[in-house]
C-alpha atoms as a PDB file:
ATOM      1  CA  ASN A   1       4.725  56.274   4.257  1.00  0.00           C
ATOM      2  CA  VAL A   2       4.792  52.795   5.856  1.00  0.00           C
ATOM      3  CA  PHE A   3       5.365  49.226   4.760  1.00  0.00           C
ATOM      4  CA  ASP A   4       5.265  45.606   5.886  1.00  0.00           C
ATOM      5  CA  ILE A   5       8.159  43.262   5.424  1.00  0.00           C
ATOM      6  CA  TRP A   6       8.372  39.498   5.874  1.00  0.00           C
ATOM      7  CA  LEU A   7      12.005  38.074   5.730  1.00  0.00           C
ATOM      8  CA  ALA A   8      12.498  34.707   4.478  1.00  0.00           C
ATOM      9  CA  GLU A   9      14.524  32.416   6.725  1.00  0.00           C
ATOM     10  CA  SER A  10      18.007  31.754   5.190  1.00  0.00           C
ATOM     11  CA  ASP A  11      21.697  31.587   6.152  1.00  0.00           C
ATOM     12  CA  LYS A  12      22.575  33.777   3.139  1.00  0.00           C
ATOM     13  CA  PRO A  13      21.111  36.949   1.705  1.00  0.00           C
ATOM     14  CA  THR A  14      17.604  36.586   0.264  1.00  0.00           C
ATOM     15  CA  PRO A  15      15.954  38.148  -2.893  1.00  0.00           C
ATOM     16  CA  LEU A  16      13.148  40.608  -2.213  1.00  0.00           C
ATOM     17  CA  ALA A  17       9.806  41.119  -3.962  1.00  0.00           C
ATOM     18  CA  ILE A  18       8.039  44.360  -3.341  1.00  0.00           C
ATOM     19  CA  TYR A  19       4.207  44.522  -3.585  1.00  0.00           C
ATOM     20  CA  ILE A  20       2.648  47.801  -4.802  1.00  0.00           C
ATOM     21  CA  HIS A  21      -1.109  47.947  -4.444  1.00  0.00           C
ATOM     22  CA  GLY A  22      -3.566  49.193  -6.954  1.00  0.00           C
ATOM     23  CA  GLY A  23      -6.660  51.466  -6.518  1.00  0.00           C
ATOM     24  CA  GLY A  24      -6.451  54.166  -9.099  1.00  0.00           C
ATOM     25  CA  PHE A  25      -3.976  56.171  -7.205  1.00  0.00           C
ATOM     26  CA  ARG A  26      -6.865  57.091  -4.857  1.00  0.00           C
ATOM     27  CA  ALA A  27      -7.651  53.827  -2.832  1.00  0.00           C
ATOM     28  CA  GLY A  28      -6.147  50.499  -1.727  1.00  0.00           C
ATOM     29  CA  SER A  29      -3.460  49.730   0.785  1.00  0.00           C
ATOM     30  CA  LYS A  30      -0.579  47.365   1.613  1.00  0.00           C
ATOM     31  CA  GLU A  31      -3.114  45.000   3.118  1.00  0.00           C
ATOM     32  CA  LYS A  32      -4.268  43.953  -0.333  1.00  0.00           C
ATOM     33  CA  LEU A  33      -1.341  41.674  -0.786  1.00  0.00           C
ATOM     34  CA  SER A  34      -2.513  38.089  -1.288  1.00  0.00           C
ATOM     35  CA  GLN A  35      -1.723  35.891   1.659  1.00  0.00           C
ATOM     36  CA  ASP A  36      -1.398  32.960  -0.730  1.00  0.00           C
ATOM     37  CA  VAL A  37       1.139  34.816  -2.928  1.00  0.00           C
ATOM     38  CA  LEU A  38       3.071  35.766   0.392  1.00  0.00           C
ATOM     39  CA  LYS A  39       3.280  32.377   1.636  1.00  0.00           C
ATOM     40  CA  GLN A  40       4.432  30.947  -1.714  1.00  0.00           C
ATOM     41  CA  LEU A  41       7.095  33.444  -2.105  1.00  0.00           C
ATOM     42  CA  LEU A  42       8.402  33.041   1.502  1.00  0.00           C
ATOM     43  CA  LYS A  43       8.413  29.168   0.970  1.00  0.00           C
ATOM     44  CA  ALA A  44      10.577  29.741  -2.182  1.00  0.00           C
ATOM     45  CA  GLY A  45      13.038  31.799   0.010  1.00  0.00           C
ATOM     46  CA  ILE A  46      11.975  35.157  -1.378  1.00  0.00           C
ATOM     47  CA  SER A  47      11.335  37.917   1.264  1.00  0.00           C
ATOM     48  CA  VAL A  48       8.375  40.070   0.609  1.00  0.00           C
ATOM     49  CA  ALA A  49       7.404  43.696   1.276  1.00  0.00           C
ATOM     50  CA  SER A  50       4.142  45.527   0.843  1.00  0.00           C
ATOM     51  CA  ILE A  51       4.036  49.253   0.700  1.00  0.00           C
ATOM     52  CA  ASN A  52       1.606  52.141   1.076  1.00  0.00           C
ATOM     53  CA  TYR A  53       2.036  55.413  -0.891  1.00  0.00           C
ATOM     54  CA  ARG A  54       0.219  58.779  -0.907  1.00  0.00           C
ATOM     55  CA  TYR A  55      -2.908  58.884  -3.002  1.00  0.00           C
ATOM     56  CA  ALA A  56      -3.009  61.426  -5.826  1.00  0.00           C
ATOM     57  CA  SER A  57      -4.668  64.725  -4.966  1.00  0.00           C
ATOM     58  CA  ALA A  58      -4.329  68.414  -5.821  1.00  0.00           C
ATOM     59  CA  ASP A  59      -2.070  68.738  -2.766  1.00  0.00           C
ATOM     60  CA  ALA A  60       0.049  65.688  -3.512  1.00  0.00           C
ATOM     61  CA  PRO A  61      -0.290  65.341  -7.367  1.00  0.00           C
ATOM     62  CA  LEU A  62       1.386  62.533  -9.361  1.00  0.00           C
ATOM     63  CA  PRO A  63       4.129  61.396  -9.463  1.00  0.00           C
ATOM     64  CA  SER A  64       4.182  61.613  -5.696  1.00  0.00           C
ATOM     65  CA  SER A  65       2.908  58.050  -5.489  1.00  0.00           C
ATOM     66  CA  HIS A  66       5.698  56.912  -7.728  1.00  0.00           C
ATOM     67  CA  HIS A  67       8.271  58.709  -5.661  1.00  0.00           C
ATOM     68  CA  ASP A  68       7.028  57.159  -2.409  1.00  0.00           C
ATOM     69  CA  ALA A  69       7.551  53.694  -4.056  1.00  0.00           C
ATOM     70  CA  ARG A  70      11.000  54.690  -5.232  1.00  0.00           C
ATOM     71  CA  ARG A  71      11.803  55.826  -1.652  1.00  0.00           C
ATOM     72  CA  ALA A  72      10.590  52.605  -0.153  1.00  0.00           C
ATOM     73  CA  LEU A  73      12.620  50.549  -2.628  1.00  0.00           C
ATOM     74  CA  GLN A  74      15.784  52.471  -1.871  1.00  0.00           C
ATOM     75  CA  PHE A  75      15.127  52.382   1.932  1.00  0.00           C
ATOM     76  CA  MET A  76      14.860  48.631   1.829  1.00  0.00           C
ATOM     77  CA  ARG A  77      18.049  48.374  -0.067  1.00  0.00           C
ATOM     78  CA  SER A  78      19.767  50.551   2.495  1.00  0.00           C
ATOM     79  CA  LYS A  79      18.762  47.890   5.170  1.00  0.00           C
ATOM     80  CA  SER A  80      19.993  45.027   3.179  1.00  0.00           C
ATOM     81  CA  LYS A  81      22.791  43.887   5.604  1.00  0.00           C
ATOM     82  CA  GLU A  82      20.501  44.388   8.714  1.00  0.00           C
ATOM     83  CA  TRP A  83      17.685  42.393   7.053  1.00  0.00           C
ATOM     84  CA  ASN A  84      19.802  39.791   5.290  1.00  0.00           C
ATOM     85  CA  LEU A  85      18.487  40.873   1.743  1.00  0.00           C
ATOM     86  CA  ASP A  86      20.384  40.584  -1.477  1.00  0.00           C
ATOM     87  CA  LYS A  87      20.140  44.019  -3.018  1.00  0.00           C
ATOM     88  CA  SER A  88      21.173  42.738  -6.385  1.00  0.00           C
ATOM     89  CA  ARG A  89      17.907  40.572  -6.649  1.00  0.00           C
ATOM     90  CA  VAL A  90      14.976  42.844  -6.083  1.00  0.00           C
ATOM     91  CA  ALA A  91      11.634  42.567  -7.944  1.00  0.00           C
ATOM     92  CA  ALA A  92       8.307  44.558  -7.847  1.00  0.00           C
ATOM     93  CA  PHE A  93       4.785  43.458  -8.459  1.00  0.00           C
ATOM     94  CA  GLY A  94       1.262  44.743  -8.282  1.00  0.00           C
ATOM     95  CA  GLY A  95      -1.951  45.469 -10.079  1.00  0.00           C
ATOM     96  CA  SER A  96      -3.480  48.300 -11.800  1.00  0.00           C
ATOM     97  CA  ALA A  97      -2.081  51.622 -10.461  1.00  0.00           C
ATOM     98  CA  GLY A  98       0.551  49.507  -8.527  1.00  0.00           C
ATOM     99  CA  ALA A  99       1.465  47.880 -11.879  1.00  0.00           C
ATOM    100  CA  GLN A 100       1.919  51.248 -13.413  1.00  0.00           C
ATOM    101  CA  ILE A 101       4.324  52.192 -10.775  1.00  0.00           C
ATOM    102  CA  CYS A 102       6.118  48.923 -10.885  1.00  0.00           C
ATOM    103  CA  MET A 103       6.731  49.371 -14.584  1.00  0.00           C
ATOM    104  CA  TRP A 104       7.994  52.963 -14.129  1.00  0.00           C
ATOM    105  CA  LEU A 105      10.548  51.565 -11.596  1.00  0.00           C
ATOM    106  CA  ALA A 106      11.572  48.796 -13.970  1.00  0.00           C
ATOM    107  CA  TYR A 107      11.938  50.812 -17.066  1.00  0.00           C
ATOM    108  CA  SER A 108      13.354  54.049 -15.707  1.00  0.00           C
ATOM    109  CA  ASP A 109      17.234  54.673 -15.817  1.00  0.00           C
ATOM    110  CA  ASP A 110      18.784  54.239 -12.332  1.00  0.00           C
ATOM    111  CA  MET A 111      17.457  57.067 -10.188  1.00  0.00           C
ATOM    112  CA  ALA A 112      20.163  56.782  -7.539  1.00  0.00           C
ATOM    113  CA  LYS A 113      22.024  59.975  -6.490  1.00  0.00           C
ATOM    114  CA  PRO A 114      25.640  58.638  -5.624  1.00  0.00           C
ATOM    115  CA  LYS A 115      26.658  62.002  -4.280  1.00  0.00           C
ATOM    116  CA  SER A 116      23.577  62.741  -2.190  1.00  0.00           C
ATOM    117  CA  LYS A 117      23.913  63.577   1.471  1.00  0.00           C
ATOM    118  CA  ASP A 118      21.002  61.334   2.103  1.00  0.00           C
ATOM    119  CA  ARG A 119      22.402  57.807   2.166  1.00  0.00           C
ATOM    120  CA  ILE A 120      18.964  56.233   1.106  1.00  0.00           C
ATOM    121  CA  GLU A 121      19.083  58.332  -2.073  1.00  0.00           C
ATOM    122  CA  ARG A 122      22.417  56.761  -3.005  1.00  0.00           C
ATOM    123  CA  GLU A 123      20.820  53.260  -3.446  1.00  0.00           C
ATOM    124  CA  SER A 124      19.884  51.953  -6.813  1.00  0.00           C
ATOM    125  CA  THR A 125      16.288  51.836  -8.088  1.00  0.00           C
ATOM    126  CA  ARG A 126      16.975  49.212 -10.710  1.00  0.00           C
ATOM    127  CA  LEU A 127      14.920  45.936 -10.517  1.00  0.00           C
ATOM    128  CA  THR A 128      15.863  42.424 -11.489  1.00  0.00           C
ATOM    129  CA  CYS A 129      12.265  41.671 -12.863  1.00  0.00           C
ATOM    130  CA  VAL A 130       8.707  42.970 -12.623  1.00  0.00           C
ATOM    131  CA  ALA A 131       5.261  41.315 -12.661  1.00  0.00           C
ATOM    132  CA  THR A 132       2.014  43.278 -13.174  1.00  0.00           C
ATOM    133  CA  THR A 133      -1.709  42.531 -13.157  1.00  0.00           C
ATOM    134  CA  GLY A 134      -4.078  44.616 -15.273  1.00  0.00           C
ATOM    135  CA  GLY A 135      -1.434  47.236 -15.635  1.00  0.00           C
ATOM    136  CA  GLN A 136      -1.784  50.530 -17.581  1.00  0.00           C
ATOM    137  CA  THR A 137       1.323  50.428 -19.902  1.00  0.00           C
ATOM    138  CA  THR A 138       0.652  53.939 -21.107  1.00  0.00           C
ATOM    139  CA  LEU A 139      -1.327  57.002 -19.892  1.00  0.00           C
ATOM    140  CA  ASP A 140      -1.306  58.575 -23.359  1.00  0.00           C
ATOM    141  CA  VAL A 141      -4.928  59.914 -24.003  1.00  0.00           C
ATOM    142  CA  ASN A 142      -4.590  59.121 -27.827  1.00  0.00           C
ATOM    143  CA  PHE A 143      -3.757  55.567 -27.194  1.00  0.00           C
ATOM    144  CA  TRP A 144      -6.685  55.147 -24.760  1.00  0.00           C
ATOM    145  CA  GLN A 145      -8.960  56.806 -27.440  1.00  0.00           C
ATOM    146  CA  ASP A 146      -7.874  54.527 -30.257  1.00  0.00           C
ATOM    147  CA  LYS A 147      -7.240  51.190 -28.471  1.00  0.00           C
ATOM    148  CA  ILE A 148      -9.523  51.213 -25.408  1.00  0.00           C
ATOM    149  CA  ALA A 149     -12.424  53.538 -25.630  1.00  0.00           C
ATOM    150  CA  THR A 150     -13.352  52.392 -29.111  1.00  0.00           C
ATOM    151  CA  LEU A 151     -13.891  48.855 -27.793  1.00  0.00           C
ATOM    152  CA  LEU A 152     -17.414  50.264 -26.896  1.00  0.00           C
ATOM    153  CA  GLY A 153     -17.861  51.933 -30.134  1.00  0.00           C
ATOM    154  CA  PRO A 154     -16.274  54.623 -32.360  1.00  0.00           C
ATOM    155  CA  LYS A 155     -17.998  57.525 -30.505  1.00  0.00           C
ATOM    156  CA  THR A 156     -16.926  56.631 -26.875  1.00  0.00           C
ATOM    157  CA  ASP A 157     -14.801  59.356 -25.335  1.00  0.00           C
ATOM    158  CA  ALA A 158     -11.584  58.165 -23.596  1.00  0.00           C
ATOM    159  CA  GLY A 159     -11.867  61.245 -21.247  1.00  0.00           C
ATOM    160  CA  SER A 160     -14.892  59.398 -19.528  1.00  0.00           C
ATOM    161  CA  LEU A 161     -12.551  56.648 -18.374  1.00  0.00           C
ATOM    162  CA  PHE A 162     -10.160  58.909 -16.324  1.00  0.00           C
ATOM    163  CA  PRO A 163     -11.436  59.594 -12.765  1.00  0.00           C
ATOM    164  CA  SER A 164     -12.213  63.000 -11.319  1.00  0.00           C
ATOM    165  CA  LEU A 165      -9.785  64.482  -8.632  1.00  0.00           C
ATOM    166  CA  GLY A 166     -11.651  65.373  -5.512  1.00  0.00           C
ATOM    167  CA  SER A 167     -14.067  68.110  -6.319  1.00  0.00           C
ATOM    168  CA  ILE A 168     -12.583  68.556  -9.916  1.00  0.00           C
ATOM    169  CA  LYS A 169     -14.971  66.747 -12.123  1.00  0.00           C
ATOM    170  CA  ASP A 170     -13.968  68.011 -15.630  1.00  0.00           C
ATOM    171  CA  PRO A 171     -11.755  65.400 -17.220  1.00  0.00           C
ATOM    172  CA  GLN A 172      -9.160  67.818 -18.749  1.00  0.00           C
ATOM    173  CA  LYS A 173      -8.822  69.848 -15.549  1.00  0.00           C
ATOM    174  CA  ALA A 174      -8.664  66.788 -13.433  1.00  0.00           C
ATOM    175  CA  ARG A 175      -5.791  65.531 -15.763  1.00  0.00           C
ATOM    176  CA  ILE A 176      -3.880  68.880 -15.207  1.00  0.00           C
ATOM    177  CA  ALA A 177      -4.343  68.794 -11.447  1.00  0.00           C
ATOM    178  CA  ARG A 178      -3.507  65.073 -11.239  1.00  0.00           C
ATOM    179  CA  TRP A 179      -0.011  65.684 -12.620  1.00  0.00           C
ATOM    180  CA  GLY A 180       0.593  69.041 -10.991  1.00  0.00           C
ATOM    181  CA  ALA A 181       0.688  70.796 -14.243  1.00  0.00           C
ATOM    182  CA  LYS A 182      -0.523  74.130 -15.523  1.00  0.00           C
ATOM    183  CA  THR A 183      -1.647  72.931 -18.994  1.00  0.00           C
ATOM    184  CA  VAL A 184      -2.763  69.779 -20.697  1.00  0.00           C
ATOM    185  CA  GLN A 185       0.375  69.670 -22.733  1.00  0.00           C
ATOM    186  CA  GLU A 186       2.569  69.799 -19.551  1.00  0.00           C
ATOM    187  CA  ALA A 187       0.323  67.108 -17.909  1.00  0.00           C
ATOM    188  CA  ASN A 188       0.763  64.862 -21.054  1.00  0.00           C
ATOM    189  CA  GLU A 189       4.544  65.342 -21.021  1.00  0.00           C
ATOM    190  CA  ILE A 190       4.763  64.343 -17.313  1.00  0.00           C
ATOM    191  CA  ALA A 191       2.435  61.334 -17.969  1.00  0.00           C
ATOM    192  CA  SER A 192       4.540  60.232 -20.811  1.00  0.00           C
ATOM    193  CA  ARG A 193       7.654  60.302 -18.569  1.00  0.00           C
ATOM    194  CA  HIS A 194       5.876  57.841 -16.201  1.00  0.00           C
ATOM    195  CA  SER A 195       4.450  55.509 -18.911  1.00  0.00           C
ATOM    196  CA  ALA A 196       6.144  52.167 -19.908  1.00  0.00           C
ATOM    197  CA  LEU A 197       5.553  52.357 -23.486  1.00  0.00           C
ATOM    198  CA  SER A 198       7.396  55.690 -23.595  1.00  0.00           C
ATOM    199  CA  ILE A 199      10.361  54.847 -21.400  1.00  0.00           C
ATOM    200  CA  VAL A 200      11.160  51.152 -21.999  1.00  0.00           C
ATOM    201  CA  SER A 201      14.538  50.527 -23.471  1.00  0.00           C
ATOM    202  CA  LYS A 202      16.669  47.630 -24.450  1.00  0.00           C
ATOM    203  CA  ASP A 203      18.556  47.373 -21.135  1.00  0.00           C
ATOM    204  CA  ASP A 204      15.394  46.991 -19.034  1.00  0.00           C
ATOM    205  CA  PRO A 205      14.491  43.852 -16.942  1.00  0.00           C
ATOM    206  CA  PRO A 206      12.034  41.030 -17.828  1.00  0.00           C
ATOM    207  CA  ILE A 207       8.339  41.424 -17.130  1.00  0.00           C
ATOM    208  CA  PHE A 208       5.491  39.156 -16.628  1.00  0.00           C
ATOM    209  CA  MET A 209       2.085  40.720 -17.458  1.00  0.00           C
ATOM    210  CA  SER A 210      -1.387  39.295 -16.589  1.00  0.00           C
ATOM    211  CA  TYR A 211      -4.753  40.346 -17.945  1.00  0.00           C
ATOM    212  CA  GLY A 212      -8.229  38.941 -17.208  1.00  0.00           C
ATOM    213  CA  MET A 213      -9.506  38.857 -20.732  1.00  0.00           C
ATOM    214  CA  PRO A 214      -8.412  37.510 -24.175  1.00  0.00           C
ATOM    215  CA  PRO A 215      -7.951  40.018 -27.033  1.00  0.00           C
ATOM    216  CA  THR A 216     -11.190  38.750 -28.638  1.00  0.00           C
ATOM    217  CA  ALA A 217     -13.300  39.298 -25.497  1.00  0.00           C
ATOM    218  CA  LYS A 218     -16.568  41.337 -25.642  1.00  0.00           C
ATOM    219  CA  PRO A 219     -17.351  44.031 -23.143  1.00  0.00           C
ATOM    220  CA  PRO A 220     -19.210  42.801 -19.938  1.00  0.00           C
ATOM    221  CA  THR A 221     -23.000  42.984 -20.092  1.00  0.00           C
ATOM    222  CA  ASN A 222     -23.033  44.308 -16.596  1.00  0.00           C
ATOM    223  CA  LYS A 223     -22.484  48.024 -17.075  1.00  0.00           C
ATOM    224  CA  THR A 224     -20.952  48.412 -13.481  1.00  0.00           C
ATOM    225  CA  ARG A 225     -18.028  46.209 -14.703  1.00  0.00           C
ATOM    226  CA  VAL A 226     -17.394  47.982 -18.121  1.00  0.00           C
ATOM    227  CA  ARG A 227     -15.030  50.798 -16.865  1.00  0.00           C
ATOM    228  CA  GLY A 228     -12.865  48.186 -14.829  1.00  0.00           C
ATOM    229  CA  TRP A 229     -12.853  46.096 -17.853  1.00  0.00           C
ATOM    230  CA  LEU A 230     -11.578  48.780 -20.024  1.00  0.00           C
ATOM    231  CA  VAL A 231      -8.933  50.310 -17.804  1.00  0.00           C
ATOM    232  CA  HIS A 232      -7.421  46.792 -17.323  1.00  0.00           C
ATOM    233  CA  HIS A 233      -7.675  45.683 -20.942  1.00  0.00           C
ATOM    234  CA  VAL A 234      -5.291  43.322 -22.566  1.00  0.00           C
ATOM    235  CA  ASN A 235      -4.782  45.682 -25.392  1.00  0.00           C
ATOM    236  CA  LEU A 236      -2.557  47.619 -22.914  1.00  0.00           C
ATOM    237  CA  GLY A 237      -0.400  44.522 -22.403  1.00  0.00           C
ATOM    238  CA  ILE A 238      -0.409  43.680 -26.172  1.00  0.00           C
ATOM    239  CA  ALA A 239       1.175  47.177 -26.972  1.00  0.00           C
ATOM    240  CA  LEU A 240       3.938  46.659 -24.479  1.00  0.00           C
ATOM    241  CA  LYS A 241       4.640  43.108 -25.687  1.00  0.00           C
ATOM    242  CA  GLU A 242       4.998  44.432 -29.187  1.00  0.00           C
ATOM    243  CA  LYS A 243       7.471  47.089 -28.015  1.00  0.00           C
ATOM    244  CA  THR A 244       9.507  44.820 -25.865  1.00  0.00           C
ATOM    245  CA  ASP A 245       9.647  42.187 -28.717  1.00  0.00           C
ATOM    246  CA  ALA A 246      10.961  44.946 -31.057  1.00  0.00           C
ATOM    247  CA  LEU A 247      13.606  45.813 -28.442  1.00  0.00           C
ATOM    248  CA  LYS A 248      14.341  41.995 -27.994  1.00  0.00           C
ATOM    249  CA  LEU A 249      13.447  42.383 -24.283  1.00  0.00           C
ATOM    250  CA  GLU A 250      12.002  39.447 -22.343  1.00  0.00           C
ATOM    251  CA  ALA A 251       8.245  39.802 -21.798  1.00  0.00           C
ATOM    252  CA  HIS A 252       5.557  37.236 -20.979  1.00  0.00           C
ATOM    253  CA  LEU A 253       1.827  38.199 -21.515  1.00  0.00           C
ATOM    254  CA  LYS A 254      -0.715  36.111 -19.835  1.00  0.00           C
ATOM    255  CA  TYR A 255      -4.456  36.114 -20.517  1.00  0.00           C
ATOM    256  CA  PRO A 256      -7.035  33.295 -20.826  1.00  0.00           C
ATOM    257  CA  GLY A 257      -5.949  30.926 -23.715  1.00  0.00           C
ATOM    258  CA  ALA A 258      -2.323  32.222 -24.001  1.00  0.00           C
ATOM    259  CA  GLU A 259       0.453  29.650 -23.908  1.00  0.00           C
ATOM    260  CA  LEU A 260       3.266  30.639 -21.534  1.00  0.00           C
ATOM    261  CA  LYS A 261       6.580  29.578 -20.322  1.00  0.00           C
ATOM    262  CA  TYR A 262       5.482  30.369 -16.686  1.00  0.00           C
ATOM    263  CA  PRO A 263       2.078  29.432 -15.364  1.00  0.00           C
ATOM    264  CA  SER A 264       2.064  32.456 -12.918  1.00  0.00           C
ATOM    265  CA  GLN A 265       4.111  35.219 -11.615  1.00  0.00           C
ATOM    266  CA  ILE A 266       5.282  32.918  -8.767  1.00  0.00           C
ATOM    267  CA  GLU A 267       7.148  30.655 -11.080  1.00  0.00           C
ATOM    268  CA  PHE A 268       8.533  33.707 -12.939  1.00  0.00           C
ATOM    269  CA  PHE A 269       9.855  35.228  -9.757  1.00  0.00           C
ATOM    270  CA  VAL A 270      11.349  31.958  -8.517  1.00  0.00           C
ATOM    271  CA  ASP A 271      13.226  31.483 -11.759  1.00  0.00           C
ATOM    272  CA  LYS A 272      14.396  35.114 -12.133  1.00  0.00           C
ATOM    273  CA  LEU A 273      15.337  35.704  -8.406  1.00  0.00           C
ATOM    274  CA  SER A 274      17.111  32.333  -7.636  1.00  0.00           C
ATOM    275  CA  ASP A 275      20.855  32.122  -7.362  1.00  0.00           C
END
């Protein structure tokens, strides 16, 4: 479990934005951080970190990836004085699986353990704001069947969208193993506890979501792009936006043609993390 960190030059403690890479919990790395985004954030006086985490496997089932991200966040907070960081202004951003982890951190109650003998575990896990790209706002199979798979037609099976796990090819068995569960019901319960739509509440931080297609978009004609188009579909963002609106939480949903207060996550972060 390693990460890179770039500290913005400042006489006073700086805010921090933590990048969590995507890759379906089975690929990707901290090197995926956009150098352009890194430069813009540093120029704005925001320190940046990019983390690695364990890939999901039968030996390290989810939510091990989530727990690694939590640990990295708490570790960085524990180093705030040494690294001139303002631990009260911390954001997370990422795409796909990384976005999913970001939302779990943002929408979970504080997971700090004040009485822990491990000083890192005593640090807060709460975020100031979060930005996601192509994020899976829920891991609920029924939602994916109704709102995602049917974009290809009423007979499309959502199970085909969920990846295998190593040598485990059967979608149901892979789901059980992916969550370290014994039954499908248990796997679904664990997945729900790590899904933004299930855990978001009225005291949670602002979010900026980006998706690559408008709600009216048709599936790609290139069959190799269809699965990626579906698993990063704007319907996932729309569902969370509806939920946050009902809770009167600040949420911004970007897709082609949408009118927004912030042109990009950079402007969003600069506004939310500034003094």
